[in-house]
C-alpha atoms as a PDB file:
ATOM      1  CA  ASN A   1      78.700  49.858 133.385  1.00  0.00           C
ATOM      2  CA  LYS A   2      75.927  50.188 131.146  1.00  0.00           C
ATOM      3  CA  GLU A   3      76.591  49.663 127.453  1.00  0.00           C
ATOM      4  CA  LEU A   4      74.240  52.408 126.019  1.00  0.00           C
ATOM      5  CA  PHE A   5      75.936  52.966 122.555  1.00  0.00           C
ATOM      6  CA  SER A   6      76.228  51.191 119.498  1.00  0.00           C
ATOM      7  CA  ASN A   7      78.943  52.014 115.957  1.00  0.00           C
ATOM      8  CA  SER A   8      75.812  50.890 113.917  1.00  0.00           C
ATOM      9  CA  GLU A   9      73.446  53.332 114.879  1.00  0.00           C
ATOM     10  CA  HIS A  10      75.424  55.870 113.019  1.00  0.00           C
ATOM     11  CA  ASN A  11      72.857  57.263 110.822  1.00  0.00           C
ATOM     12  CA  GLY A  12      74.747  60.439 110.144  1.00  0.00           C
ATOM     13  CA  ALA A  13      72.383  62.425 111.752  1.00  0.00           C
ATOM     14  CA  TYR A  14      73.931  65.977 111.463  1.00  0.00           C
ATOM     15  CA  ILE A  15      71.521  69.045 112.235  1.00  0.00           C
ATOM     16  CA  TYR A  16      72.018  72.218 110.714  1.00  0.00           C
ATOM     17  CA  GLU A  17      70.509  76.046 110.979  1.00  0.00           C
ATOM     18  CA  LYS A  18      67.378  75.592 109.063  1.00  0.00           C
ATOM     19  CA  ASN A  19      65.734  73.499 111.661  1.00  0.00           C
ATOM     20  CA  TYR A  20      68.327  73.929 114.352  1.00  0.00           C
ATOM     21  CA  LYS A  21      66.454  74.506 117.763  1.00  0.00           C
ATOM     22  CA  GLU A  22      63.387  71.879 116.558  1.00  0.00           C
ATOM     23  CA  ASP A  23      66.049  69.252 116.213  1.00  0.00           C
ATOM     24  CA  MET A  24      67.731  69.714 119.120  1.00  0.00           C
ATOM     25  CA  ARG A  25      64.970  69.438 121.102  1.00  0.00           C
ATOM     26  CA  LYS A  26      64.111  66.991 119.439  1.00  0.00           C
ATOM     27  CA  LYS A  27      66.884  64.325 118.541  1.00  0.00           C
ATOM     28  CA  VAL A  28      69.996  65.674 119.797  1.00  0.00           C
ATOM     29  CA  GLU A  29      69.052  65.924 123.342  1.00  0.00           C
ATOM     30  CA  PRO A  30      66.401  63.503 123.681  1.00  0.00           C
ATOM     31  CA  TYR A  31      69.110  60.986 122.791  1.00  0.00           C
ATOM     32  CA  LEU A  32      71.816  61.863 124.809  1.00  0.00           C
ATOM     33  CA  LYS A  33      69.817  62.837 128.102  1.00  0.00           C
ATOM     34  CA  GLU A  34      68.253  58.724 127.697  1.00  0.00           C
ATOM     35  CA  ASN A  35      71.273  58.085 127.374  1.00  0.00           C
ATOM     36  CA  LEU A  36      73.017  59.848 129.550  1.00  0.00           C
ATOM     37  CA  GLU A  37      75.182  58.434 132.561  1.00  0.00           C
ATOM     38  CA  TYR A  38      76.659  61.118 135.153  1.00  0.00           C
ATOM     39  CA  GLY A  39      77.475  61.339 139.310  1.00  0.00           C
ATOM     40  CA  TYR A  40      79.813  63.755 141.434  1.00  0.00           C
ATOM     41  CA  LEU A  41      83.523  62.965 141.906  1.00  0.00           C
ATOM     42  CA  VAL A  42      85.395  65.034 145.048  1.00  0.00           C
ATOM     43  CA  GLY A  43      87.987  67.409 144.097  1.00  0.00           C
ATOM     44  CA  LYS A  44      90.888  69.350 146.365  1.00  0.00           C
ATOM     45  CA  ASN A  45      89.477  70.757 149.140  1.00  0.00           C
ATOM     46  CA  ASP A  46      86.501  67.831 149.215  1.00  0.00           C
ATOM     47  CA  LEU A  47      84.269  69.879 146.136  1.00  0.00           C
ATOM     48  CA  LYS A  48      81.890  68.309 144.724  1.00  0.00           C
ATOM     49  CA  LEU A  49      82.017  67.207 140.590  1.00  0.00           C
ATOM     50  CA  TYR A  50      79.787  67.272 138.194  1.00  0.00           C
ATOM     51  CA  TYR A  51      80.285  64.494 136.135  1.00  0.00           C
ATOM     52  CA  GLU A  52      77.965  63.094 132.474  1.00  0.00           C
ATOM     53  CA  LYS A  53      79.620  59.756 130.068  1.00  0.00           C
ATOM     54  CA  PHE A  54      78.632  58.776 127.143  1.00  0.00           C
ATOM     55  CA  ILE A  55      79.827  54.993 126.620  1.00  0.00           C
ATOM     56  CA  VAL A  56      80.027  53.321 123.686  1.00  0.00           C
ATOM     57  CA  GLN A  57      80.405  49.937 122.993  1.00  0.00           C
ATOM     58  CA  ASN A  58      82.650  49.502 120.395  1.00  0.00           C
ATOM     59  CA  PRO A  59      84.480  53.106 120.933  1.00  0.00           C
ATOM     60  CA  LYS A  60      87.575  53.959 118.555  1.00  0.00           C
ATOM     61  CA  ALA A  61      88.585  56.177 121.377  1.00  0.00           C
ATOM     62  CA  SER A  62      88.040  58.590 124.715  1.00  0.00           C
ATOM     63  CA  ILE A  63      86.963  61.942 123.574  1.00  0.00           C
ATOM     64  CA  VAL A  64      87.133  63.909 127.413  1.00  0.00           C
ATOM     65  CA  ILE A  65      86.097  67.874 127.159  1.00  0.00           C
ATOM     66  CA  CYS A  66      87.538  70.209 129.580  1.00  0.00           C
ATOM     67  CA  HIS A  67      85.000  73.675 129.152  1.00  0.00           C
ATOM     68  CA  GLY A  68      85.548  76.820 129.042  1.00  0.00           C
ATOM     69  CA  PHE A  69      85.157  80.261 131.361  1.00  0.00           C
ATOM     70  CA  GLY A  70      81.610  80.413 132.630  1.00  0.00           C
ATOM     71  CA  GLU A  71      80.255  77.306 130.314  1.00  0.00           C
ATOM     72  CA  CYS A  72      78.381  74.008 131.618  1.00  0.00           C
ATOM     73  CA  THR A  73      77.824  70.405 129.896  1.00  0.00           C
ATOM     74  CA  GLU A  74      75.348  71.638 128.184  1.00  0.00           C
ATOM     75  CA  LYS A  75      76.516  73.529 125.943  1.00  0.00           C
ATOM     76  CA  TYR A  76      78.761  70.720 123.913  1.00  0.00           C
ATOM     77  CA  TYR A  77      75.323  68.413 123.952  1.00  0.00           C
ATOM     78  CA  GLU A  78      75.716  69.475 120.011  1.00  0.00           C
ATOM     79  CA  LEU A  79      79.408  68.155 119.801  1.00  0.00           C
ATOM     80  CA  ILE A  80      79.053  65.231 122.132  1.00  0.00           C
ATOM     81  CA  TYR A  81      76.434  64.144 120.095  1.00  0.00           C
ATOM     82  CA  TYR A  82      78.333  64.458 116.802  1.00  0.00           C
ATOM     83  CA  PHE A  83      81.056  62.468 118.486  1.00  0.00           C
ATOM     84  CA  ILE A  84      80.269  59.511 119.433  1.00  0.00           C
ATOM     85  CA  LEU A  85      78.299  59.260 115.939  1.00  0.00           C
ATOM     86  CA  GLU A  86      81.780  58.789 115.105  1.00  0.00           C
ATOM     87  CA  GLY A  87      81.975  56.431 117.529  1.00  0.00           C
ATOM     88  CA  TYR A  88      83.471  57.798 120.498  1.00  0.00           C
ATOM     89  CA  SER A  89      83.201  57.263 123.796  1.00  0.00           C
ATOM     90  CA  VAL A  90      82.551  61.053 125.369  1.00  0.00           C
ATOM     91  CA  PHE A  91      82.997  62.820 128.906  1.00  0.00           C
ATOM     92  CA  ILE A  92      82.612  66.151 130.253  1.00  0.00           C
ATOM     93  CA  ILE A  93      83.274  67.296 134.011  1.00  0.00           C
ATOM     94  CA  GLN A  94      82.169  70.297 135.531  1.00  0.00           C
ATOM     95  CA  HIS A  95      84.924  72.503 136.741  1.00  0.00           C
ATOM     96  CA  ARG A  96      84.696  73.532 140.562  1.00  0.00           C
ATOM     97  CA  GLY A  97      82.361  77.234 140.393  1.00  0.00           C
ATOM     98  CA  HIS A  98      80.526  75.662 137.499  1.00  0.00           C
ATOM     99  CA  GLY A  99      77.250  74.613 136.330  1.00  0.00           C
ATOM    100  CA  LYS A 100      75.986  71.688 139.129  1.00  0.00           C
ATOM    101  CA  SER A 101      79.804  71.809 140.521  1.00  0.00           C
ATOM    102  CA  GLN A 102      80.114  73.596 143.789  1.00  0.00           C
ATOM    103  CA  ARG A 103      81.634  76.667 144.595  1.00  0.00           C
ATOM    104  CA  LEU A 104      83.237  79.381 146.550  1.00  0.00           C
ATOM    105  CA  GLY A 105      82.007  82.511 144.910  1.00  0.00           C
ATOM    106  CA  ILE A 106      79.888  84.507 147.139  1.00  0.00           C
ATOM    107  CA  ASP A 107      76.575  84.328 144.666  1.00  0.00           C
ATOM    108  CA  GLU A 108      75.829  82.317 142.362  1.00  0.00           C
ATOM    109  CA  SER A 109      77.604  84.091 139.593  1.00  0.00           C
ATOM    110  CA  GLN A 110      81.194  84.512 140.856  1.00  0.00           C
ATOM    111  CA  ILE A 111      83.461  81.922 139.678  1.00  0.00           C
ATOM    112  CA  ASN A 112      86.402  81.402 142.464  1.00  0.00           C
ATOM    113  CA  VAL A 113      89.268  79.260 142.923  1.00  0.00           C
ATOM    114  CA  GLU A 114      92.044  79.147 145.436  1.00  0.00           C
ATOM    115  CA  ASN A 115      94.681  78.102 143.426  1.00  0.00           C
ATOM    116  CA  PHE A 116      94.615  77.490 139.376  1.00  0.00           C
ATOM    117  CA  ASN A 117      96.700  74.299 139.511  1.00  0.00           C
ATOM    118  CA  TYR A 118      92.971  72.577 141.138  1.00  0.00           C
ATOM    119  CA  TYR A 119      90.988  72.597 138.180  1.00  0.00           C
ATOM    120  CA  VAL A 120      94.070  70.083 136.529  1.00  0.00           C
ATOM    121  CA  GLU A 121      94.565  68.018 139.531  1.00  0.00           C
ATOM    122  CA  ASP A 122      90.547  68.292 139.716  1.00  0.00           C
ATOM    123  CA  PHE A 123      90.276  67.110 135.422  1.00  0.00           C
ATOM    124  CA  LYS A 124      93.211  64.413 136.351  1.00  0.00           C
ATOM    125  CA  LYS A 125      91.055  62.794 139.598  1.00  0.00           C
ATOM    126  CA  PHE A 126      88.275  62.934 136.460  1.00  0.00           C
ATOM    127  CA  VAL A 127      90.730  60.941 134.314  1.00  0.00           C
ATOM    128  CA  ASP A 128      91.789  58.323 136.495  1.00  0.00           C
ATOM    129  CA  GLU A 129      88.793  58.015 138.464  1.00  0.00           C
ATOM    130  CA  ILE A 130      85.742  57.960 135.310  1.00  0.00           C
ATOM    131  CA  VAL A 131      87.427  58.642 132.391  1.00  0.00           C
ATOM    132  CA  ILE A 132      89.959  55.025 132.107  1.00  0.00           C
ATOM    133  CA  PRO A 133      88.455  53.235 133.646  1.00  0.00           C
ATOM    134  CA  ASN A 134      84.977  53.016 131.331  1.00  0.00           C
ATOM    135  CA  SER A 135      87.268  53.478 128.016  1.00  0.00           C
ATOM    136  CA  LYS A 136      87.700  49.464 127.578  1.00  0.00           C
ATOM    137  CA  ASN A 137      91.373  50.400 126.885  1.00  0.00           C
ATOM    138  CA  LYS A 138      91.508  52.058 124.587  1.00  0.00           C
ATOM    139  CA  GLU A 139      93.800  55.814 124.286  1.00  0.00           C
ATOM    140  CA  LEU A 140      92.762  59.190 125.401  1.00  0.00           C
ATOM    141  CA  PHE A 141      91.612  62.280 123.264  1.00  0.00           C
ATOM    142  CA  LEU A 142      91.503  65.934 124.518  1.00  0.00           C
ATOM    143  CA  PHE A 143      89.244  68.579 123.373  1.00  0.00           C
ATOM    144  CA  ALA A 144      90.081  71.116 125.438  1.00  0.00           C
ATOM    145  CA  HIS A 145      88.370  75.119 125.201  1.00  0.00           C
ATOM    146  CA  SER A 146      88.964  78.814 125.807  1.00  0.00           C
ATOM    147  CA  MET A 147      90.232  77.905 130.124  1.00  0.00           C
ATOM    148  CA  GLY A 148      89.845  74.493 129.123  1.00  0.00           C
ATOM    149  CA  GLY A 149      92.577  74.660 126.770  1.00  0.00           C
ATOM    150  CA  GLY A 150      94.587  77.071 130.092  1.00  0.00           C
ATOM    151  CA  ILE A 151      93.537  73.426 132.428  1.00  0.00           C
ATOM    152  CA  GLY A 152      94.371  71.934 129.185  1.00  0.00           C
ATOM    153  CA  THR A 153      97.798  72.412 128.544  1.00  0.00           C
ATOM    154  CA  VAL A 154      98.819  72.219 132.199  1.00  0.00           C
ATOM    155  CA  PHE A 155      97.554  69.348 132.791  1.00  0.00           C
ATOM    156  CA  LEU A 156      99.857  67.976 129.178  1.00  0.00           C
ATOM    157  CA  GLU A 157     103.156  69.199 130.362  1.00  0.00           C
ATOM    158  CA  LYS A 158     103.090  68.131 133.399  1.00  0.00           C
ATOM    159  CA  TYR A 159     101.126  64.545 133.004  1.00  0.00           C
ATOM    160  CA  THR A 160     102.766  63.820 130.042  1.00  0.00           C
ATOM    161  CA  GLU A 161     101.337  59.899 129.650  1.00  0.00           C
ATOM    162  CA  TYR A 162      97.819  60.486 129.182  1.00  0.00           C
ATOM    163  CA  PHE A 163      96.221  61.681 125.682  1.00  0.00           C
ATOM    164  CA  LYS A 164      97.384  60.637 122.236  1.00  0.00           C
ATOM    165  CA  ALA A 165      96.061  63.689 120.851  1.00  0.00           C
ATOM    166  CA  ALA A 166      94.882  66.913 121.718  1.00  0.00           C
ATOM    167  CA  VAL A 167      92.342  69.866 120.417  1.00  0.00           C
ATOM    168  CA  LEU A 168      93.087  73.338 121.879  1.00  0.00           C
ATOM    169  CA  SER A 169      90.095  75.268 120.963  1.00  0.00           C
ATOM    170  CA  SER A 170      90.851  79.491 121.788  1.00  0.00           C
ATOM    171  CA  PRO A 171      93.000  78.188 124.454  1.00  0.00           C
ATOM    172  CA  MET A 172      94.118  80.361 127.507  1.00  0.00           C
ATOM    173  CA  HIS A 173      96.966  80.078 127.460  1.00  0.00           C
ATOM    174  CA  GLU A 174      97.119  84.329 129.097  1.00  0.00           C
ATOM    175  CA  ILE A 175      94.838  87.084 130.789  1.00  0.00           C
ATOM    176  CA  ASN A 176      93.052  89.503 128.401  1.00  0.00           C
ATOM    177  CA  THR A 177      93.165  92.800 131.250  1.00  0.00           C
ATOM    178  CA  GLY A 178      91.840  95.229 127.671  1.00  0.00           C
ATOM    179  CA  LYS A 179      92.364  98.587 128.520  1.00  0.00           C
ATOM    180  CA  PHE A 180      95.090  98.274 132.036  1.00  0.00           C
ATOM    181  CA  SER A 181      98.406  96.828 131.879  1.00  0.00           C
ATOM    182  CA  LYS A 182      99.039  93.485 133.488  1.00  0.00           C
ATOM    183  CA  ILE A 183     100.974  95.063 135.699  1.00  0.00           C
ATOM    184  CA  LEU A 184      98.160  97.213 136.782  1.00  0.00           C
ATOM    185  CA  ALA A 185      95.616  93.998 137.203  1.00  0.00           C
ATOM    186  CA  ASN A 186      98.560  92.445 138.785  1.00  0.00           C
ATOM    187  CA  VAL A 187      99.035  95.381 142.156  1.00  0.00           C
ATOM    188  CA  ILE A 188      95.546  96.215 141.612  1.00  0.00           C
ATOM    189  CA  SER A 189      94.779  92.007 142.641  1.00  0.00           C
ATOM    190  CA  GLN A 190      97.563  92.195 145.176  1.00  0.00           C
ATOM    191  CA  LEU A 191      96.381  94.920 146.798  1.00  0.00           C
ATOM    192  CA  MET A 192      92.689  93.527 146.652  1.00  0.00           C
ATOM    193  CA  LYS A 193      94.097  90.907 148.387  1.00  0.00           C
ATOM    194  CA  SER A 194      95.887  92.080 150.932  1.00  0.00           C
ATOM    195  CA  LEU A 195      92.438  94.065 152.349  1.00  0.00           C
ATOM    196  CA  GLY A 196      90.586  91.175 152.843  1.00  0.00           C
ATOM    197  CA  MET A 197      88.566  91.610 149.266  1.00  0.00           C
ATOM    198  CA  LYS A 198      89.570  88.891 147.675  1.00  0.00           C
ATOM    199  CA  LYS A 199      86.014  86.869 146.798  1.00  0.00           C
ATOM    200  CA  ARG A 200      85.187  90.742 146.461  1.00  0.00           C
ATOM    201  CA  TYR A 201      84.707  91.353 142.036  1.00  0.00           C
ATOM    202  CA  VAL A 202      86.786  93.349 140.771  1.00  0.00           C
ATOM    203  CA  PRO A 203      86.217  97.397 140.022  1.00  0.00           C
ATOM    204  CA  GLY A 204      83.672  97.234 137.083  1.00  0.00           C
ATOM    205  CA  GLN A 205      82.833  93.620 137.255  1.00  0.00           C
ATOM    206  CA  THR A 206      79.335  92.862 139.022  1.00  0.00           C
ATOM    207  CA  PRO A 207      76.889  89.915 139.158  1.00  0.00           C
ATOM    208  CA  TYR A 208      75.504  88.085 136.023  1.00  0.00           C
ATOM    209  CA  ILE A 209      72.065  90.226 134.145  1.00  0.00           C
ATOM    210  CA  GLU A 210      70.309  88.086 131.918  1.00  0.00           C
ATOM    211  CA  LYS A 211      68.679  89.653 129.717  1.00  0.00           C
ATOM    212  CA  SER A 212      65.303  88.544 127.624  1.00  0.00           C
ATOM    213  CA  ASP A 213      66.359  90.902 124.642  1.00  0.00           C
ATOM    214  CA  PHE A 214      68.031  87.729 123.134  1.00  0.00           C
ATOM    215  CA  GLU A 215      66.859  87.276 119.516  1.00  0.00           C
ATOM    216  CA  GLY A 216      68.287  91.574 119.444  1.00  0.00           C
END
């Protein structure tokens, strides 16, 4: 395995709002993309799952990122950059149905999983096959956000020996059903499944529609 980063390269090069876009494009993204290693592993039911790793030569520890619903590796590039500057190797996998990983949905917007525990078992395989062999016997830390916080929580409860510590950022410990009661949401879900509509969008939901008015 390539040893891509040295702690001696730490230059305190944090970026700020004033030149954020330019610094991300000219400093952070080239630095990461020039040095990242990526690949695929096979998860539950033979789905191909994409991952990235950033190996520090003499790491303090390894940080494993478990991202949220609808997210991808690129969202975490600034954070990964900071972790590396602080001397940590970083590993991130894209969950099934996200980014470059294989999906089961009926279109490119829909994220479909037959069983939530598949996320947990995919994550365990990633840690076992990619993270641990590349962590130089250092401790593992977990950073999990939103749905990834839900995945991470189940993982921590089921596999207690893996992570030294964890950060759960806005963890999804319960689904927000909005103005509909949880009982009604469950009835609708079960009814759609029984009618052979388990891959359909629930009423009121549609595929993603890109809006160009970002500033607005």
